[in-house]
Amino acid sequence: MKAKLEYIWLDGTAPTQCLRSKTQVRHDFGGTLEECPMWCFDGSSTNQAEGNASDCLLKPVAIYPDPGRTNAFLVMTEVLNADGTPHASNGRATINDDDNDFWFGFEQEYFLWDVDTQLPPGFPHGGFPAPQGPYYCSVGAANTFGRDCVEEHFDICLDAGLNVEGINAEVAAGQWEFQCFAKGAKQAGDEIWVARYLLERTGENYGYAINYHPKPLGDTDWNGSGMHANFSNGAMRDLGDESVFTKICEEFGKNIERHISVYGADNDQRLTGKHETQSINEFSYGVSDRGASIRIPIGTVEDGWKGRLEDRRTSSNADPYKVAAAIIKTTKEALV
C-alpha cells in the first residue's frame, strides 16, 4: 500500500511566517513518526537560504491521519540547517519544556476572506453590515456567514485526531474561532499549526482565504482577531497559592517587550485599549477582566487558586511556538 505524507513547515517570510507543504509517497508505511524520514527542500524559494547553498532539512515532529486524502498523513516538521542545527526561523526549537510541565490552550480567531470581494462573507461590496453585536455565537443566515466551511474544518480536525475543543462565531461578521488544548507546549504548537493548515486547505473549497491579520478591517469599530493563550504549569495547577499567580503576573509586567515582540505583527492596531484589549504599551491583570493584559479566570479563584492564566495580548497571526517559549521563560523566572 502506498501512503501520501504531506510534510508541513513554516517558511522564512517576515514578519509573519507562512505555511508550506509538499507530498512524499512511501511504500508499506505503518503510520508512525519513526517511519517518516528527514527530507529537504529549496530554502531559497521560501526565504530560508541563498541559492548557492539552498538545501534546508525537514525534521518530522508530529504525525496525524489526513482525512481529506486517501491513504494519507499530515507530518508536521521543523526546519533545520543543512548541518542539522535549528534554522533561525525555527521557533519550536526555542521552547524549554522538555518535561511537558506546561499546558496550553490557544483560542484561534480568524476571518474568512472571500478571494473575489476581498472582504469577509457577510460584508456587502463597498460597505459594511449592521454593527457588531448579533454575530457572536450567532445562528441564522442573517448573522452567520461561512458556517459550511467552518463545520467542514471542525470535522476534519477531529478526524485527524487534533484536540480541537470547540468552535464559535466571533464578534464580527465572517469572524470565527477554534480552540486547541495540549499537555506540552510543543504539542500545543504542533496542533495549532496543523489545524491552521487544514483550515487553509478547507477554505480552498469555498473560495475563502484565511485572514489572520490582527486588525484586517483597519481603523474601524470592528473587533480584531487574537489567539488568547491559556497556560498553566504544575505549580499553578496543584499548589492552591494565590501568590504564585501574583508573582507570575508581576513578572509578565516586567517583560512587556519580550512578549509583544513575538505576539504577532501589527498587533499595535489591535491592542488599543478598546474592543476588549489593553493598550500594547501598558500591562494589567485582574480576575475576570477581559480588558486586562492577563485575565485570571474566575474558575481559577473558585477552585482555590488552582488553574490557569489567560494572556489576552497574543494576536491571531502569532507563532504559537514562540508565544509558548516566551510564556514559559517568564513563568519560570517568576517562580525561581
C-alpha atoms as a PDB file:
ATOM      1  CA  MET A   1       0.000   0.000   0.000  1.00  0.00           C
ATOM      2  CA  LYS A   2       1.320   3.421  -0.952  1.00  0.00           C
ATOM      3  CA  ALA A   3       0.820   6.281   1.513  1.00  0.00           C
ATOM      4  CA  LYS A   4       0.928  10.016   0.902  1.00  0.00           C
ATOM      5  CA  LEU A   5       2.847  12.010   3.513  1.00  0.00           C
ATOM      6  CA  GLU A   6       2.199  15.754   3.482  1.00  0.00           C
ATOM      7  CA  TYR A   7       5.241  17.429   5.039  1.00  0.00           C
ATOM      8  CA  ILE A   8       4.241  20.798   6.562  1.00  0.00           C
ATOM      9  CA  TRP A   9       6.660  23.525   7.639  1.00  0.00           C
ATOM     10  CA  LEU A  10       6.957  27.250   8.379  1.00  0.00           C
ATOM     11  CA  ASP A  11       8.836  29.367   5.886  1.00  0.00           C
ATOM     12  CA  GLY A  12      11.060  32.380   6.464  1.00  0.00           C
ATOM     13  CA  THR A  13       8.621  35.105   5.453  1.00  0.00           C
ATOM     14  CA  ALA A  14       8.918  38.132   7.750  1.00  0.00           C
ATOM     15  CA  PRO A  15       7.374  39.421   9.883  1.00  0.00           C
ATOM     16  CA  THR A  16       4.740  36.663   9.701  1.00  0.00           C
ATOM     17  CA  GLN A  17       5.736  33.168   8.617  1.00  0.00           C
ATOM     18  CA  CYS A  18       3.610  31.258   6.130  1.00  0.00           C
ATOM     19  CA  LEU A  19       2.780  27.575   5.854  1.00  0.00           C
ATOM     20  CA  ARG A  20       4.374  25.449   3.135  1.00  0.00           C
ATOM     21  CA  SER A  21       3.872  21.773   2.318  1.00  0.00           C
ATOM     22  CA  LYS A  22       4.745  19.064  -0.162  1.00  0.00           C
ATOM     23  CA  THR A  23       3.863  15.401  -0.586  1.00  0.00           C
ATOM     24  CA  GLN A  24       6.070  12.341  -0.439  1.00  0.00           C
ATOM     25  CA  VAL A  25       4.908   8.808  -1.344  1.00  0.00           C
ATOM     26  CA  ARG A  26       6.049   5.961   0.928  1.00  0.00           C
ATOM     27  CA  HIS A  27       5.616   2.236   0.414  1.00  0.00           C
ATOM     28  CA  ASP A  28       4.399  -0.088   3.192  1.00  0.00           C
ATOM     29  CA  PHE A  29       4.031   2.811   5.588  1.00  0.00           C
ATOM     30  CA  GLY A  30       2.788   1.928   9.080  1.00  0.00           C
ATOM     31  CA  GLY A  31       1.679   5.367  10.170  1.00  0.00           C
ATOM     32  CA  THR A  32       4.338   6.118  12.807  1.00  0.00           C
ATOM     33  CA  LEU A  33       6.520   9.167  13.249  1.00  0.00           C
ATOM     34  CA  GLU A  34       9.623   6.968  13.385  1.00  0.00           C
ATOM     35  CA  GLU A  35       8.980   5.863   9.802  1.00  0.00           C
ATOM     36  CA  CYS A  36       8.973   9.435   8.488  1.00  0.00           C
ATOM     37  CA  PRO A  37      12.382  10.208   7.003  1.00  0.00           C
ATOM     38  CA  MET A  38      14.198  13.508   7.143  1.00  0.00           C
ATOM     39  CA  TRP A  39      13.531  15.403   3.927  1.00  0.00           C
ATOM     40  CA  CYS A  40      14.911  18.525   2.285  1.00  0.00           C
ATOM     41  CA  PHE A  41      13.593  21.484   0.313  1.00  0.00           C
ATOM     42  CA  ASP A  42      14.766  24.535  -1.581  1.00  0.00           C
ATOM     43  CA  GLY A  43      15.199  27.162   1.083  1.00  0.00           C
ATOM     44  CA  SER A  44      15.999  29.830  -1.494  1.00  0.00           C
ATOM     45  CA  SER A  45      12.334  29.679  -2.563  1.00  0.00           C
ATOM     46  CA  THR A  46      10.994  30.119   0.983  1.00  0.00           C
ATOM     47  CA  ASN A  47      13.209  32.960   2.308  1.00  0.00           C
ATOM     48  CA  GLN A  48      15.306  30.484   4.291  1.00  0.00           C
ATOM     49  CA  ALA A  49      18.529  30.099   2.274  1.00  0.00           C
ATOM     50  CA  GLU A  50      20.636  31.533  -0.533  1.00  0.00           C
ATOM     51  CA  GLY A  51      20.595  29.928  -3.964  1.00  0.00           C
ATOM     52  CA  ASN A  52      24.226  28.809  -3.781  1.00  0.00           C
ATOM     53  CA  ALA A  53      23.552  26.835  -0.574  1.00  0.00           C
ATOM     54  CA  SER A  54      19.823  26.236  -0.782  1.00  0.00           C
ATOM     55  CA  ASP A  55      19.171  22.913   0.962  1.00  0.00           C
ATOM     56  CA  CYS A  56      17.233  23.036   4.242  1.00  0.00           C
ATOM     57  CA  LEU A  57      16.083  19.973   6.178  1.00  0.00           C
ATOM     58  CA  LEU A  58      12.611  18.977   7.355  1.00  0.00           C
ATOM     59  CA  LYS A  59      12.643  17.069  10.649  1.00  0.00           C
ATOM     60  CA  PRO A  60       9.314  15.289  11.354  1.00  0.00           C
ATOM     61  CA  VAL A  61       7.999  16.081  14.842  1.00  0.00           C
ATOM     62  CA  ALA A  62       4.316  15.025  14.766  1.00  0.00           C
ATOM     63  CA  ILE A  63       2.063  12.910  12.561  1.00  0.00           C
ATOM     64  CA  TYR A  64      -1.707  12.793  12.102  1.00  0.00           C
ATOM     65  CA  PRO A  65      -4.009  10.956   9.694  1.00  0.00           C
ATOM     66  CA  ASP A  66      -5.166  13.145   6.807  1.00  0.00           C
ATOM     67  CA  PRO A  67      -8.955  12.715   6.458  1.00  0.00           C
ATOM     68  CA  GLY A  68      -9.068  14.839   3.317  1.00  0.00           C
ATOM     69  CA  ARG A  69      -6.986  12.466   1.190  1.00  0.00           C
ATOM     70  CA  THR A  70      -6.869   8.744   0.575  1.00  0.00           C
ATOM     71  CA  ASN A  71      -4.136   6.755   2.380  1.00  0.00           C
ATOM     72  CA  ALA A  72      -2.562   9.971   3.612  1.00  0.00           C
ATOM     73  CA  PHE A  73      -0.914  11.540   6.657  1.00  0.00           C
ATOM     74  CA  LEU A  74      -0.062  15.052   7.828  1.00  0.00           C
ATOM     75  CA  VAL A  75       3.545  15.345   9.008  1.00  0.00           C
ATOM     76  CA  MET A  76       4.397  18.487  10.975  1.00  0.00           C
ATOM     77  CA  THR A  77       8.091  19.276  10.718  1.00  0.00           C
ATOM     78  CA  GLU A  78      10.602  21.790  11.978  1.00  0.00           C
ATOM     79  CA  VAL A  79      13.247  23.350   9.748  1.00  0.00           C
ATOM     80  CA  LEU A  80      16.932  22.608  10.238  1.00  0.00           C
ATOM     81  CA  ASN A  81      20.017  23.932   8.514  1.00  0.00           C
ATOM     82  CA  ALA A  82      21.944  21.554   6.299  1.00  0.00           C
ATOM     83  CA  ASP A  83      24.253  20.739   9.243  1.00  0.00           C
ATOM     84  CA  GLY A  84      21.318  19.657  11.394  1.00  0.00           C
ATOM     85  CA  THR A  85      21.167  22.731  13.647  1.00  0.00           C
ATOM     86  CA  PRO A  86      17.851  24.585  14.096  1.00  0.00           C
ATOM     87  CA  HIS A  87      17.181  27.169  11.403  1.00  0.00           C
ATOM     88  CA  ALA A  88      16.821  30.779  12.551  1.00  0.00           C
ATOM     89  CA  SER A  89      13.112  30.601  11.622  1.00  0.00           C
ATOM     90  CA  ASN A  90      12.545  27.542  13.851  1.00  0.00           C
ATOM     91  CA  GLY A  91      10.508  28.793  16.826  1.00  0.00           C
ATOM     92  CA  ARG A  92       9.739  25.277  18.028  1.00  0.00           C
ATOM     93  CA  ALA A  93      13.400  24.707  18.888  1.00  0.00           C
ATOM     94  CA  THR A  94      13.336  27.633  21.346  1.00  0.00           C
ATOM     95  CA  ILE A  95      10.770  26.032  23.687  1.00  0.00           C
ATOM     96  CA  ASN A  96      12.199  24.959  27.066  1.00  0.00           C
ATOM     97  CA  ASP A  97       9.562  22.442  28.146  1.00  0.00           C
ATOM     98  CA  ASP A  98      11.143  19.012  27.828  1.00  0.00           C
ATOM     99  CA  ASP A  99       9.088  17.585  30.707  1.00  0.00           C
ATOM    100  CA  ASN A 100       5.772  18.876  29.270  1.00  0.00           C
ATOM    101  CA  ASP A 101       5.015  20.586  32.584  1.00  0.00           C
ATOM    102  CA  PHE A 102       3.292  23.420  30.755  1.00  0.00           C
ATOM    103  CA  TRP A 103      -0.209  23.019  29.338  1.00  0.00           C
ATOM    104  CA  PHE A 104      -1.559  25.391  26.713  1.00  0.00           C
ATOM    105  CA  GLY A 105      -4.970  26.155  25.334  1.00  0.00           C
ATOM    106  CA  PHE A 106      -4.966  28.525  22.357  1.00  0.00           C
ATOM    107  CA  GLU A 107      -8.113  30.341  21.201  1.00  0.00           C
ATOM    108  CA  GLN A 108      -7.500  30.914  17.494  1.00  0.00           C
ATOM    109  CA  GLU A 109      -9.598  33.699  15.987  1.00  0.00           C
ATOM    110  CA  TYR A 110      -9.604  34.429  12.256  1.00  0.00           C
ATOM    111  CA  PHE A 111     -11.624  35.956   9.442  1.00  0.00           C
ATOM    112  CA  LEU A 112     -12.818  34.013   6.436  1.00  0.00           C
ATOM    113  CA  TRP A 113     -11.845  36.162   3.455  1.00  0.00           C
ATOM    114  CA  ASP A 114     -13.598  35.950   0.095  1.00  0.00           C
ATOM    115  CA  VAL A 115     -10.875  35.940  -2.577  1.00  0.00           C
ATOM    116  CA  ASP A 116     -13.125  37.682  -5.100  1.00  0.00           C
ATOM    117  CA  THR A 117     -14.540  40.510  -2.989  1.00  0.00           C
ATOM    118  CA  GLN A 118     -11.522  40.776  -0.652  1.00  0.00           C
ATOM    119  CA  LEU A 119     -13.999  41.040   2.213  1.00  0.00           C
ATOM    120  CA  PRO A 120     -15.307  38.645   4.856  1.00  0.00           C
ATOM    121  CA  PRO A 121     -18.534  36.826   3.990  1.00  0.00           C
ATOM    122  CA  GLY A 122     -21.430  38.932   5.217  1.00  0.00           C
ATOM    123  CA  PHE A 123     -19.806  42.208   4.152  1.00  0.00           C
ATOM    124  CA  PRO A 124     -21.516  43.914   1.192  1.00  0.00           C
ATOM    125  CA  HIS A 125     -19.208  45.224  -1.513  1.00  0.00           C
ATOM    126  CA  GLY A 126     -18.235  48.804  -0.774  1.00  0.00           C
ATOM    127  CA  GLY A 127     -19.848  48.920   2.642  1.00  0.00           C
ATOM    128  CA  PHE A 128     -20.417  47.298   5.992  1.00  0.00           C
ATOM    129  CA  PRO A 129     -23.068  45.061   7.504  1.00  0.00           C
ATOM    130  CA  ALA A 130     -25.007  46.091  10.602  1.00  0.00           C
ATOM    131  CA  PRO A 131     -22.740  46.933  13.579  1.00  0.00           C
ATOM    132  CA  GLN A 132     -21.320  44.098  15.618  1.00  0.00           C
ATOM    133  CA  GLY A 133     -23.490  42.706  18.353  1.00  0.00           C
ATOM    134  CA  PRO A 134     -25.618  39.943  16.794  1.00  0.00           C
ATOM    135  CA  TYR A 135     -22.761  37.936  15.244  1.00  0.00           C
ATOM    136  CA  TYR A 136     -21.044  36.479  18.345  1.00  0.00           C
ATOM    137  CA  CYS A 137     -22.099  32.843  18.820  1.00  0.00           C
ATOM    138  CA  SER A 138     -24.876  33.548  16.320  1.00  0.00           C
ATOM    139  CA  VAL A 139     -27.207  31.287  14.390  1.00  0.00           C
ATOM    140  CA  GLY A 140     -29.247  32.070  11.301  1.00  0.00           C
ATOM    141  CA  ALA A 141     -28.479  33.315   7.804  1.00  0.00           C
ATOM    142  CA  ALA A 142     -28.913  36.969   8.790  1.00  0.00           C
ATOM    143  CA  ASN A 143     -25.966  36.880  11.194  1.00  0.00           C
ATOM    144  CA  THR A 144     -23.874  33.775  10.499  1.00  0.00           C
ATOM    145  CA  PHE A 145     -21.601  33.581   7.474  1.00  0.00           C
ATOM    146  CA  GLY A 146     -19.303  30.780   6.292  1.00  0.00           C
ATOM    147  CA  ARG A 147     -20.583  28.041   8.592  1.00  0.00           C
ATOM    148  CA  ASP A 148     -20.282  25.342   5.912  1.00  0.00           C
ATOM    149  CA  CYS A 149     -16.528  25.900   5.634  1.00  0.00           C
ATOM    150  CA  VAL A 150     -16.073  26.140   9.399  1.00  0.00           C
ATOM    151  CA  GLU A 151     -18.009  22.940  10.114  1.00  0.00           C
ATOM    152  CA  GLU A 152     -16.065  21.013   7.478  1.00  0.00           C
ATOM    153  CA  HIS A 153     -12.807  22.183   9.023  1.00  0.00           C
ATOM    154  CA  PHE A 154     -14.039  21.214  12.503  1.00  0.00           C
ATOM    155  CA  ASP A 155     -14.871  17.666  11.382  1.00  0.00           C
ATOM    156  CA  ILE A 156     -11.573  17.233   9.558  1.00  0.00           C
ATOM    157  CA  CYS A 157      -9.600  18.347  12.615  1.00  0.00           C
ATOM    158  CA  LEU A 158     -11.427  15.875  14.856  1.00  0.00           C
ATOM    159  CA  ASP A 159     -10.991  13.073  12.328  1.00  0.00           C
ATOM    160  CA  ALA A 160      -7.271  13.863  12.198  1.00  0.00           C
ATOM    161  CA  GLY A 161      -7.025  13.421  15.972  1.00  0.00           C
ATOM    162  CA  LEU A 162      -6.341  17.059  16.772  1.00  0.00           C
ATOM    163  CA  ASN A 163      -7.544  18.120  20.209  1.00  0.00           C
ATOM    164  CA  VAL A 164      -9.828  20.879  18.961  1.00  0.00           C
ATOM    165  CA  GLU A 165     -12.146  21.540  21.878  1.00  0.00           C
ATOM    166  CA  GLY A 166     -14.701  23.821  20.262  1.00  0.00           C
ATOM    167  CA  ILE A 167     -15.662  26.444  17.699  1.00  0.00           C
ATOM    168  CA  ASN A 168     -17.820  29.552  17.709  1.00  0.00           C
ATOM    169  CA  ALA A 169     -18.774  32.506  15.546  1.00  0.00           C
ATOM    170  CA  GLU A 170     -16.960  35.592  16.782  1.00  0.00           C
ATOM    171  CA  VAL A 171     -17.876  39.230  17.368  1.00  0.00           C
ATOM    172  CA  ALA A 172     -17.562  40.456  13.762  1.00  0.00           C
ATOM    173  CA  ALA A 173     -19.406  39.130  10.718  1.00  0.00           C
ATOM    174  CA  GLY A 174     -17.376  36.407   8.997  1.00  0.00           C
ATOM    175  CA  GLN A 175     -15.081  36.043  12.029  1.00  0.00           C
ATOM    176  CA  TRP A 176     -14.717  32.651  13.740  1.00  0.00           C
ATOM    177  CA  GLU A 177     -12.682  30.881  16.396  1.00  0.00           C
ATOM    178  CA  PHE A 178     -11.493  27.393  17.231  1.00  0.00           C
ATOM    179  CA  GLN A 179      -9.749  26.252  20.403  1.00  0.00           C
ATOM    180  CA  CYS A 180      -6.908  23.721  20.768  1.00  0.00           C
ATOM    181  CA  PHE A 181      -5.543  22.283  24.018  1.00  0.00           C
ATOM    182  CA  ALA A 182      -2.476  20.158  24.667  1.00  0.00           C
ATOM    183  CA  LYS A 183      -0.382  18.992  27.600  1.00  0.00           C
ATOM    184  CA  GLY A 184       3.015  20.151  26.431  1.00  0.00           C
ATOM    185  CA  ALA A 185       3.991  23.377  24.694  1.00  0.00           C
ATOM    186  CA  LYS A 186       5.469  21.780  21.587  1.00  0.00           C
ATOM    187  CA  GLN A 187       2.419  19.607  21.043  1.00  0.00           C
ATOM    188  CA  ALA A 188       0.150  22.623  21.500  1.00  0.00           C
ATOM    189  CA  GLY A 189       2.075  24.482  18.816  1.00  0.00           C
ATOM    190  CA  ASP A 190       2.027  21.475  16.503  1.00  0.00           C
ATOM    191  CA  GLU A 191      -1.740  21.167  16.787  1.00  0.00           C
ATOM    192  CA  ILE A 192      -2.441  24.843  16.144  1.00  0.00           C
ATOM    193  CA  TRP A 193      -0.239  24.841  13.059  1.00  0.00           C
ATOM    194  CA  VAL A 194      -1.761  21.660  11.633  1.00  0.00           C
ATOM    195  CA  ALA A 195      -5.262  22.997  12.368  1.00  0.00           C
ATOM    196  CA  ARG A 196      -4.311  26.225  10.576  1.00  0.00           C
ATOM    197  CA  TYR A 197      -3.033  24.204   7.637  1.00  0.00           C
ATOM    198  CA  LEU A 198      -6.285  22.247   7.433  1.00  0.00           C
ATOM    199  CA  LEU A 199      -8.286  25.469   7.666  1.00  0.00           C
ATOM    200  CA  GLU A 200      -6.348  26.995   4.775  1.00  0.00           C
ATOM    201  CA  ARG A 201      -6.852  23.865   2.708  1.00  0.00           C
ATOM    202  CA  THR A 202     -10.558  23.632   3.539  1.00  0.00           C
ATOM    203  CA  GLY A 203     -11.027  27.269   2.590  1.00  0.00           C
ATOM    204  CA  GLU A 204      -9.784  26.445  -0.910  1.00  0.00           C
ATOM    205  CA  ASN A 205     -13.039  24.522  -1.492  1.00  0.00           C
ATOM    206  CA  TYR A 206     -15.150  27.616  -0.773  1.00  0.00           C
ATOM    207  CA  GLY A 207     -13.104  30.409  -2.303  1.00  0.00           C
ATOM    208  CA  TYR A 208     -12.006  31.614   1.130  1.00  0.00           C
ATOM    209  CA  ALA A 209      -8.539  32.630   2.135  1.00  0.00           C
ATOM    210  CA  ILE A 210      -7.922  32.744   5.889  1.00  0.00           C
ATOM    211  CA  ASN A 211      -7.060  36.183   7.214  1.00  0.00           C
ATOM    212  CA  TYR A 212      -5.029  36.087  10.439  1.00  0.00           C
ATOM    213  CA  HIS A 213      -4.204  39.800  10.493  1.00  0.00           C
ATOM    214  CA  PRO A 214      -4.988  41.162  13.988  1.00  0.00           C
ATOM    215  CA  LYS A 215      -6.993  44.083  12.564  1.00  0.00           C
ATOM    216  CA  PRO A 216      -7.895  43.280   8.936  1.00  0.00           C
ATOM    217  CA  LEU A 217     -10.715  45.823   8.760  1.00  0.00           C
ATOM    218  CA  GLY A 218      -8.425  48.702   9.667  1.00  0.00           C
ATOM    219  CA  ASP A 219      -9.306  51.551  11.956  1.00  0.00           C
ATOM    220  CA  THR A 220     -12.990  50.690  12.234  1.00  0.00           C
ATOM    221  CA  ASP A 221     -15.299  49.792  15.097  1.00  0.00           C
ATOM    222  CA  TRP A 222     -14.887  46.072  14.489  1.00  0.00           C
ATOM    223  CA  ASN A 223     -13.050  43.705  16.796  1.00  0.00           C
ATOM    224  CA  GLY A 224      -9.642  42.476  15.791  1.00  0.00           C
ATOM    225  CA  SER A 225      -8.501  38.861  15.955  1.00  0.00           C
ATOM    226  CA  GLY A 226      -6.452  37.333  18.752  1.00  0.00           C
ATOM    227  CA  MET A 227      -5.091  33.977  19.797  1.00  0.00           C
ATOM    228  CA  HIS A 228      -5.613  34.125  23.549  1.00  0.00           C
ATOM    229  CA  ALA A 229      -3.024  31.943  25.279  1.00  0.00           C
ATOM    230  CA  ASN A 230      -4.300  29.984  28.288  1.00  0.00           C
ATOM    231  CA  PHE A 231      -1.469  28.361  30.209  1.00  0.00           C
ATOM    232  CA  SER A 232      -0.554  26.581  33.412  1.00  0.00           C
ATOM    233  CA  ASN A 233       2.283  24.613  34.947  1.00  0.00           C
ATOM    234  CA  GLY A 234       2.350  22.176  37.832  1.00  0.00           C
ATOM    235  CA  ALA A 235       2.665  24.867  40.498  1.00  0.00           C
ATOM    236  CA  MET A 236      -0.349  26.738  39.136  1.00  0.00           C
ATOM    237  CA  ARG A 237      -2.453  23.600  38.886  1.00  0.00           C
ATOM    238  CA  ASP A 238      -1.537  21.990  42.216  1.00  0.00           C
ATOM    239  CA  LEU A 239      -0.366  24.392  44.947  1.00  0.00           C
ATOM    240  CA  GLY A 240      -3.506  26.427  45.546  1.00  0.00           C
ATOM    241  CA  ASP A 241      -1.457  29.538  46.289  1.00  0.00           C
ATOM    242  CA  GLU A 242      -2.618  32.994  45.182  1.00  0.00           C
ATOM    243  CA  SER A 243       0.915  34.338  45.494  1.00  0.00           C
ATOM    244  CA  VAL A 244       2.071  32.021  42.674  1.00  0.00           C
ATOM    245  CA  PHE A 245      -0.297  33.750  40.266  1.00  0.00           C
ATOM    246  CA  THR A 246       0.601  37.207  41.573  1.00  0.00           C
ATOM    247  CA  LYS A 247       4.319  36.564  41.095  1.00  0.00           C
ATOM    248  CA  ILE A 248       3.759  35.335  37.534  1.00  0.00           C
ATOM    249  CA  CYS A 249       1.590  38.302  36.571  1.00  0.00           C
ATOM    250  CA  GLU A 250       4.037  40.769  38.092  1.00  0.00           C
ATOM    251  CA  GLU A 251       6.926  39.143  36.197  1.00  0.00           C
ATOM    252  CA  PHE A 252       4.981  39.411  32.938  1.00  0.00           C
ATOM    253  CA  GLY A 253       4.590  43.126  33.652  1.00  0.00           C
ATOM    254  CA  LYS A 254       8.380  43.455  33.837  1.00  0.00           C
ATOM    255  CA  ASN A 255       8.855  41.804  30.431  1.00  0.00           C
ATOM    256  CA  ILE A 256       6.378  43.522  28.122  1.00  0.00           C
ATOM    257  CA  GLU A 257       8.759  43.740  25.147  1.00  0.00           C
ATOM    258  CA  ARG A 258       9.783  40.064  25.399  1.00  0.00           C
ATOM    259  CA  HIS A 259       6.179  39.084  24.856  1.00  0.00           C
ATOM    260  CA  ILE A 260       4.963  41.760  22.464  1.00  0.00           C
ATOM    261  CA  SER A 261       7.945  41.080  20.178  1.00  0.00           C
ATOM    262  CA  VAL A 262       6.595  37.574  19.462  1.00  0.00           C
ATOM    263  CA  TYR A 263       2.869  38.161  19.928  1.00  0.00           C
ATOM    264  CA  GLY A 264       2.274  38.995  16.271  1.00  0.00           C
ATOM    265  CA  ALA A 265       2.984  41.656  13.653  1.00  0.00           C
ATOM    266  CA  ASP A 266       0.727  44.732  13.524  1.00  0.00           C
ATOM    267  CA  ASN A 267      -0.627  43.880  16.961  1.00  0.00           C
ATOM    268  CA  ASP A 268      -0.487  47.577  17.832  1.00  0.00           C
ATOM    269  CA  GLN A 269      -3.517  48.014  15.573  1.00  0.00           C
ATOM    270  CA  ARG A 270      -5.471  45.596  17.783  1.00  0.00           C
ATOM    271  CA  LEU A 271      -4.108  46.359  21.274  1.00  0.00           C
ATOM    272  CA  THR A 272      -5.532  49.853  21.562  1.00  0.00           C
ATOM    273  CA  GLY A 273      -7.321  49.639  24.897  1.00  0.00           C
ATOM    274  CA  LYS A 274     -10.629  49.202  23.082  1.00  0.00           C
ATOM    275  CA  HIS A 275     -12.601  46.146  21.960  1.00  0.00           C
ATOM    276  CA  GLU A 276     -11.684  44.024  24.999  1.00  0.00           C
ATOM    277  CA  THR A 277      -7.951  44.769  24.882  1.00  0.00           C
ATOM    278  CA  GLN A 278      -5.359  46.542  26.998  1.00  0.00           C
ATOM    279  CA  SER A 279      -3.055  49.070  25.315  1.00  0.00           C
ATOM    280  CA  ILE A 280       0.061  47.485  23.802  1.00  0.00           C
ATOM    281  CA  ASN A 281       2.360  49.693  25.907  1.00  0.00           C
ATOM    282  CA  GLU A 282       0.635  49.026  29.221  1.00  0.00           C
ATOM    283  CA  PHE A 283       0.220  45.954  31.396  1.00  0.00           C
ATOM    284  CA  SER A 284      -2.535  44.954  33.776  1.00  0.00           C
ATOM    285  CA  TYR A 285      -4.082  41.834  35.226  1.00  0.00           C
ATOM    286  CA  GLY A 286      -7.292  41.082  37.046  1.00  0.00           C
ATOM    287  CA  VAL A 287      -9.900  38.475  37.850  1.00  0.00           C
ATOM    288  CA  SER A 288     -12.425  38.089  35.003  1.00  0.00           C
ATOM    289  CA  ASP A 289     -11.057  41.254  33.348  1.00  0.00           C
ATOM    290  CA  ARG A 290     -11.204  40.910  29.562  1.00  0.00           C
ATOM    291  CA  GLY A 291      -9.772  44.396  29.194  1.00  0.00           C
ATOM    292  CA  ALA A 292      -6.586  43.378  31.006  1.00  0.00           C
ATOM    293  CA  SER A 293      -3.352  42.056  29.523  1.00  0.00           C
ATOM    294  CA  ILE A 294      -3.769  38.892  31.595  1.00  0.00           C
ATOM    295  CA  ARG A 295      -7.137  37.643  32.785  1.00  0.00           C
ATOM    296  CA  ILE A 296      -7.300  35.477  35.896  1.00  0.00           C
ATOM    297  CA  PRO A 297     -10.288  33.211  35.196  1.00  0.00           C
ATOM    298  CA  ILE A 298     -12.919  33.150  37.936  1.00  0.00           C
ATOM    299  CA  GLY A 299     -12.674  29.350  37.864  1.00  0.00           C
ATOM    300  CA  THR A 300      -9.054  29.546  38.995  1.00  0.00           C
ATOM    301  CA  VAL A 301     -10.081  31.594  42.028  1.00  0.00           C
ATOM    302  CA  GLU A 302     -13.121  29.466  42.863  1.00  0.00           C
ATOM    303  CA  ASP A 303     -11.005  26.305  42.665  1.00  0.00           C
ATOM    304  CA  GLY A 304      -8.786  27.604  45.474  1.00  0.00           C
ATOM    305  CA  TRP A 305      -6.238  29.314  43.239  1.00  0.00           C
ATOM    306  CA  LYS A 306      -5.612  26.203  41.192  1.00  0.00           C
ATOM    307  CA  GLY A 307      -5.780  26.543  37.443  1.00  0.00           C
ATOM    308  CA  ARG A 308      -4.595  28.761  34.618  1.00  0.00           C
ATOM    309  CA  LEU A 309      -3.994  32.274  33.366  1.00  0.00           C
ATOM    310  CA  GLU A 310      -5.045  33.788  30.050  1.00  0.00           C
ATOM    311  CA  ASP A 311      -2.693  36.141  28.210  1.00  0.00           C
ATOM    312  CA  ARG A 312      -5.091  38.102  26.012  1.00  0.00           C
ATOM    313  CA  ARG A 313      -2.451  40.083  24.121  1.00  0.00           C
ATOM    314  CA  THR A 314      -1.463  37.359  21.663  1.00  0.00           C
ATOM    315  CA  SER A 315      -2.622  38.176  18.142  1.00  0.00           C
ATOM    316  CA  SER A 316      -4.177  35.790  15.655  1.00  0.00           C
ATOM    317  CA  ASN A 317      -1.087  35.762  13.418  1.00  0.00           C
ATOM    318  CA  ALA A 318       1.410  34.923  16.182  1.00  0.00           C
ATOM    319  CA  ASP A 319       3.539  31.777  16.097  1.00  0.00           C
ATOM    320  CA  PRO A 320       2.301  29.585  18.986  1.00  0.00           C
ATOM    321  CA  TYR A 321       5.788  28.090  19.368  1.00  0.00           C
ATOM    322  CA  LYS A 322       7.349  31.497  20.024  1.00  0.00           C
ATOM    323  CA  VAL A 323       4.428  32.542  22.222  1.00  0.00           C
ATOM    324  CA  ALA A 324       4.813  29.425  24.351  1.00  0.00           C
ATOM    325  CA  ALA A 325       8.588  29.880  24.609  1.00  0.00           C
ATOM    326  CA  ALA A 326       8.173  33.426  25.955  1.00  0.00           C
ATOM    327  CA  ILE A 327       5.439  32.434  28.421  1.00  0.00           C
ATOM    328  CA  ILE A 328       7.486  29.530  29.759  1.00  0.00           C
ATOM    329  CA  LYS A 329      10.600  31.679  30.175  1.00  0.00           C
ATOM    330  CA  THR A 330       8.817  34.419  32.101  1.00  0.00           C
ATOM    331  CA  THR A 331       6.830  31.988  34.247  1.00  0.00           C
ATOM    332  CA  LYS A 332       9.960  30.099  35.237  1.00  0.00           C
ATOM    333  CA  GLU A 333      11.744  33.347  36.112  1.00  0.00           C
ATOM    334  CA  ALA A 334       8.817  34.355  38.308  1.00  0.00           C
ATOM    335  CA  LEU A 335       8.969  31.152  40.335  1.00  0.00           C
ATOM    336  CA  VAL A 336      12.725  30.861  40.877  1.00  0.00           C
END
